[in-house]
Amino acid sequence: MLATERDIAKNAGEGGHPATLGAAEYLSLAAAPTFAIMALVTAATSGGPADLLCSVAHASPLGGMAAMYLLMSAFHMAPWLKLIARAASSRDIATS
């Protein structure tokens, strides 16, 4: 969840630290790209001897760690979508 300026000001007035909210915002933005990179690395390095031990690994195209990382990346896209929507709405307001 991305903090707005109003949320930061409100929490700073209640003894919260705006830097903490900023760090949490950046951490939420880091999740989706991190999982996407992990999916790419896992897909690029799969097929080794460890995969031969597990016969279930190739049973489904949706199975495996790479697919799990892609799903995690998709589930963590909400902060990016909110950031894009906020940027688009501020751009629309600026052009009106």
N, C-alpha and C. Protein backbone atom coordinates (compact mmCIF):
# COMPACT_ATOMS: atom_id res chain seq x y z
N MET A 1 0.84 -1.16 0.00
CA MET A 1 0.00 0.00 0.00
C MET A 1 0.88 1.23 0.00
N LEU A 2 0.67 2.13 -0.91
CA LEU A 2 1.48 3.31 -1.03
C LEU A 2 0.94 4.41 -0.13
N ALA A 3 1.86 5.06 0.57
CA ALA A 3 1.46 6.14 1.47
C ALA A 3 1.32 7.43 0.68
N THR A 4 0.26 8.16 0.98
CA THR A 4 0.09 9.46 0.35
C THR A 4 0.73 10.52 1.24
N GLU A 5 0.86 11.72 0.70
CA GLU A 5 1.45 12.80 1.48
C GLU A 5 0.63 13.07 2.74
N ARG A 6 -0.71 12.95 2.62
CA ARG A 6 -1.57 13.17 3.78
C ARG A 6 -1.32 12.11 4.85
N ASP A 7 -1.14 10.84 4.44
CA ASP A 7 -0.85 9.77 5.40
C ASP A 7 0.48 10.02 6.10
N ILE A 8 1.48 10.46 5.33
CA ILE A 8 2.79 10.73 5.91
C ILE A 8 2.70 11.86 6.91
N ALA A 9 2.00 12.95 6.56
CA ALA A 9 1.87 14.08 7.47
C ALA A 9 1.10 13.68 8.73
N LYS A 10 0.04 12.88 8.56
CA LYS A 10 -0.76 12.44 9.71
C LYS A 10 0.07 11.58 10.65
N ASN A 11 0.81 10.62 10.10
CA ASN A 11 1.62 9.73 10.94
C ASN A 11 2.81 10.46 11.54
N ALA A 12 3.37 11.44 10.84
CA ALA A 12 4.47 12.21 11.39
C ALA A 12 3.99 13.03 12.57
N GLY A 13 2.74 13.52 12.48
CA GLY A 13 2.17 14.29 13.58
C GLY A 13 1.87 13.43 14.79
N GLU A 14 1.68 12.16 14.60
CA GLU A 14 1.37 11.23 15.69
C GLU A 14 2.62 10.55 16.23
N GLY A 15 3.78 11.05 15.90
CA GLY A 15 5.00 10.46 16.39
C GLY A 15 5.62 9.45 15.45
N GLY A 16 4.98 9.18 14.29
CA GLY A 16 5.55 8.28 13.30
C GLY A 16 6.64 8.99 12.51
N HIS A 17 7.43 8.25 11.83
CA HIS A 17 8.52 8.82 11.05
C HIS A 17 8.19 8.71 9.57
N PRO A 18 8.21 9.83 8.84
CA PRO A 18 7.95 9.76 7.39
C PRO A 18 8.95 8.88 6.66
N ALA A 19 10.18 8.81 7.14
CA ALA A 19 11.19 7.97 6.49
C ALA A 19 10.80 6.50 6.56
N THR A 20 10.16 6.10 7.65
CA THR A 20 9.72 4.72 7.79
C THR A 20 8.65 4.40 6.76
N LEU A 21 7.71 5.31 6.56
CA LEU A 21 6.68 5.08 5.55
C LEU A 21 7.30 5.04 4.16
N GLY A 22 8.28 5.88 3.89
CA GLY A 22 8.95 5.86 2.60
C GLY A 22 9.67 4.55 2.36
N ALA A 23 10.32 4.02 3.40
CA ALA A 23 11.02 2.75 3.28
C ALA A 23 10.05 1.61 3.01
N ALA A 24 8.90 1.63 3.68
CA ALA A 24 7.90 0.59 3.46
C ALA A 24 7.34 0.68 2.04
N GLU A 25 7.18 1.90 1.54
CA GLU A 25 6.68 2.08 0.18
C GLU A 25 7.67 1.53 -0.83
N TYR A 26 8.95 1.83 -0.65
CA TYR A 26 9.96 1.32 -1.57
C TYR A 26 10.10 -0.19 -1.46
N LEU A 27 9.96 -0.72 -0.26
CA LEU A 27 10.04 -2.17 -0.09
C LEU A 27 8.89 -2.87 -0.80
N SER A 28 7.69 -2.28 -0.76
CA SER A 28 6.55 -2.90 -1.46
C SER A 28 6.75 -2.84 -2.97
N LEU A 29 7.43 -1.81 -3.46
CA LEU A 29 7.71 -1.72 -4.89
C LEU A 29 8.81 -2.69 -5.32
N ALA A 30 9.64 -3.11 -4.39
CA ALA A 30 10.75 -4.01 -4.72
C ALA A 30 10.32 -5.47 -4.87
N ALA A 31 9.18 -5.84 -4.32
CA ALA A 31 8.78 -7.25 -4.29
C ALA A 31 8.55 -7.82 -5.69
N ALA A 32 7.75 -7.17 -6.50
CA ALA A 32 7.40 -7.72 -7.82
C ALA A 32 8.62 -7.90 -8.72
N PRO A 33 9.49 -6.89 -8.87
CA PRO A 33 10.66 -7.11 -9.72
C PRO A 33 11.61 -8.18 -9.17
N THR A 34 11.69 -8.27 -7.85
CA THR A 34 12.57 -9.28 -7.24
C THR A 34 12.07 -10.67 -7.57
N PHE A 35 10.77 -10.90 -7.45
CA PHE A 35 10.22 -12.22 -7.78
C PHE A 35 10.34 -12.51 -9.28
N ALA A 36 10.21 -11.49 -10.12
CA ALA A 36 10.36 -11.70 -11.56
C ALA A 36 11.79 -12.10 -11.89
N ILE A 37 12.76 -11.46 -11.27
CA ILE A 37 14.17 -11.82 -11.48
C ILE A 37 14.44 -13.23 -10.98
N MET A 38 13.87 -13.58 -9.82
CA MET A 38 14.06 -14.93 -9.29
C MET A 38 13.45 -15.97 -10.24
N ALA A 39 12.31 -15.65 -10.87
CA ALA A 39 11.70 -16.57 -11.83
C ALA A 39 12.62 -16.76 -13.04
N LEU A 40 13.21 -15.67 -13.53
CA LEU A 40 14.12 -15.78 -14.68
C LEU A 40 15.36 -16.59 -14.34
N VAL A 41 15.93 -16.33 -13.19
CA VAL A 41 17.13 -17.07 -12.79
C VAL A 41 16.81 -18.54 -12.59
N THR A 42 15.68 -18.84 -11.96
CA THR A 42 15.29 -20.22 -11.73
C THR A 42 15.03 -20.95 -13.04
N ALA A 43 14.35 -20.26 -13.97
CA ALA A 43 14.07 -20.89 -15.27
C ALA A 43 15.36 -21.11 -16.06
N ALA A 44 16.31 -20.19 -15.95
CA ALA A 44 17.56 -20.30 -16.70
C ALA A 44 18.47 -21.39 -16.14
N THR A 45 18.39 -21.63 -14.84
CA THR A 45 19.29 -22.61 -14.23
C THR A 45 18.62 -23.95 -13.97
N SER A 46 17.35 -24.12 -14.37
CA SER A 46 16.68 -25.40 -14.11
C SER A 46 17.14 -26.43 -15.14
N GLY A 47 16.79 -27.65 -14.86
CA GLY A 47 17.16 -28.73 -15.77
C GLY A 47 18.43 -29.45 -15.34
N GLY A 48 18.90 -29.17 -14.16
CA GLY A 48 20.11 -29.81 -13.65
C GLY A 48 19.81 -31.15 -13.02
N PRO A 49 20.80 -31.72 -12.35
CA PRO A 49 20.64 -33.04 -11.73
C PRO A 49 19.55 -33.07 -10.66
N ALA A 50 19.31 -31.96 -10.00
CA ALA A 50 18.27 -31.95 -8.96
C ALA A 50 16.90 -32.16 -9.57
N ASP A 51 16.65 -31.65 -10.77
CA ASP A 51 15.36 -31.85 -11.43
C ASP A 51 15.16 -33.30 -11.85
N LEU A 52 16.23 -34.01 -12.11
CA LEU A 52 16.11 -35.42 -12.48
C LEU A 52 15.64 -36.28 -11.32
N LEU A 53 15.93 -35.84 -10.10
CA LEU A 53 15.53 -36.60 -8.92
C LEU A 53 14.03 -36.50 -8.68
N CYS A 54 13.43 -35.42 -9.10
CA CYS A 54 12.00 -35.21 -8.85
C CYS A 54 11.22 -35.43 -10.14
N SER A 55 10.52 -36.54 -10.22
CA SER A 55 9.78 -36.85 -11.44
C SER A 55 8.54 -35.99 -11.58
N VAL A 56 8.07 -35.39 -10.52
CA VAL A 56 6.87 -34.56 -10.56
C VAL A 56 7.18 -33.18 -11.15
N ALA A 57 8.43 -32.81 -11.21
CA ALA A 57 8.82 -31.46 -11.65
C ALA A 57 8.35 -31.16 -13.07
N HIS A 58 8.23 -32.15 -13.92
CA HIS A 58 7.84 -31.91 -15.30
C HIS A 58 6.41 -32.39 -15.60
N ALA A 59 5.63 -32.64 -14.56
CA ALA A 59 4.28 -33.15 -14.75
C ALA A 59 3.31 -32.07 -15.23
N SER A 60 3.55 -30.83 -14.84
CA SER A 60 2.63 -29.75 -15.20
C SER A 60 3.43 -28.53 -15.64
N PRO A 61 2.96 -27.83 -16.67
CA PRO A 61 3.66 -26.61 -17.07
C PRO A 61 3.52 -25.50 -16.03
N LEU A 62 2.55 -25.63 -15.12
CA LEU A 62 2.37 -24.63 -14.08
C LEU A 62 3.11 -24.99 -12.80
N GLY A 63 3.82 -26.08 -12.81
CA GLY A 63 4.54 -26.49 -11.62
C GLY A 63 5.94 -25.91 -11.60
N GLY A 64 6.61 -26.11 -10.49
CA GLY A 64 7.99 -25.67 -10.38
C GLY A 64 8.14 -24.31 -9.73
N MET A 65 9.37 -24.00 -9.40
CA MET A 65 9.66 -22.76 -8.69
C MET A 65 9.53 -21.54 -9.59
N ALA A 66 9.87 -21.65 -10.86
CA ALA A 66 9.78 -20.49 -11.75
C ALA A 66 8.33 -20.02 -11.86
N ALA A 67 7.40 -20.94 -11.99
CA ALA A 67 5.98 -20.57 -12.06
C ALA A 67 5.51 -19.96 -10.74
N MET A 68 6.00 -20.50 -9.63
CA MET A 68 5.62 -19.95 -8.33
C MET A 68 6.13 -18.52 -8.19
N TYR A 69 7.37 -18.26 -8.63
CA TYR A 69 7.91 -16.90 -8.56
C TYR A 69 7.15 -15.95 -9.47
N LEU A 70 6.72 -16.42 -10.64
CA LEU A 70 5.91 -15.57 -11.53
C LEU A 70 4.57 -15.22 -10.88
N LEU A 71 3.95 -16.19 -10.24
CA LEU A 71 2.69 -15.92 -9.55
C LEU A 71 2.90 -14.94 -8.40
N MET A 72 3.98 -15.10 -7.66
CA MET A 72 4.27 -14.17 -6.57
C MET A 72 4.51 -12.77 -7.11
N SER A 73 5.17 -12.67 -8.24
CA SER A 73 5.39 -11.38 -8.87
C SER A 73 4.07 -10.74 -9.26
N ALA A 74 3.16 -11.53 -9.81
CA ALA A 74 1.84 -11.02 -10.21
C ALA A 74 1.05 -10.57 -8.99
N PHE A 75 1.11 -11.32 -7.90
CA PHE A 75 0.37 -10.95 -6.70
C PHE A 75 0.91 -9.69 -6.05
N HIS A 76 2.17 -9.39 -6.26
CA HIS A 76 2.79 -8.20 -5.67
C HIS A 76 2.81 -7.00 -6.62
N MET A 77 2.01 -7.03 -7.67
CA MET A 77 1.94 -5.92 -8.63
C MET A 77 1.07 -4.77 -8.15
N ALA A 78 0.28 -4.94 -7.12
CA ALA A 78 -0.66 -3.90 -6.66
C ALA A 78 0.02 -2.56 -6.40
N PRO A 79 1.16 -2.49 -5.69
CA PRO A 79 1.79 -1.19 -5.49
C PRO A 79 2.21 -0.52 -6.79
N TRP A 80 2.67 -1.31 -7.76
CA TRP A 80 3.03 -0.74 -9.07
C TRP A 80 1.81 -0.21 -9.79
N LEU A 81 0.70 -0.95 -9.74
CA LEU A 81 -0.52 -0.50 -10.41
C LEU A 81 -1.06 0.77 -9.77
N LYS A 82 -0.97 0.87 -8.43
CA LYS A 82 -1.40 2.09 -7.74
C LYS A 82 -0.50 3.26 -8.12
N LEU A 83 0.79 3.03 -8.21
CA LEU A 83 1.73 4.09 -8.60
C LEU A 83 1.45 4.57 -10.02
N ILE A 84 1.18 3.65 -10.92
CA ILE A 84 0.88 4.01 -12.31
C ILE A 84 -0.44 4.77 -12.38
N ALA A 85 -1.45 4.31 -11.64
CA ALA A 85 -2.74 5.00 -11.63
C ALA A 85 -2.62 6.40 -11.05
N ARG A 86 -1.82 6.54 -9.98
CA ARG A 86 -1.63 7.85 -9.38
C ARG A 86 -0.91 8.79 -10.34
N ALA A 87 0.09 8.28 -11.04
CA ALA A 87 0.83 9.11 -12.01
C ALA A 87 -0.08 9.51 -13.17
N ALA A 88 -0.92 8.59 -13.62
CA ALA A 88 -1.82 8.90 -14.72
C ALA A 88 -2.86 9.94 -14.31
N SER A 89 -3.38 9.81 -13.09
CA SER A 89 -4.39 10.77 -12.63
C SER A 89 -3.78 12.14 -12.39
N SER A 90 -2.56 12.20 -11.89
CA SER A 90 -1.91 13.50 -11.70
C SER A 90 -1.57 14.14 -13.04
N ARG A 91 -1.24 13.32 -14.03
CA ARG A 91 -0.98 13.84 -15.38
C ARG A 91 -2.27 14.37 -16.00
N ASP A 92 -3.38 13.67 -15.77
CA ASP A 92 -4.68 14.12 -16.28
C ASP A 92 -5.10 15.42 -15.62
N ILE A 93 -4.85 15.56 -14.34
CA ILE A 93 -5.20 16.78 -13.62
C ILE A 93 -4.34 17.94 -14.11
N ALA A 94 -3.07 17.67 -14.37
CA ALA A 94 -2.15 18.73 -14.83
C ALA A 94 -2.51 19.22 -16.23
N THR A 95 -3.05 18.35 -17.07
CA THR A 95 -3.39 18.76 -18.44
C THR A 95 -4.75 19.43 -18.52
N SER A 96 -5.58 19.29 -17.47
CA SER A 96 -6.92 19.92 -17.51
C SER A 96 -6.86 21.38 -17.18
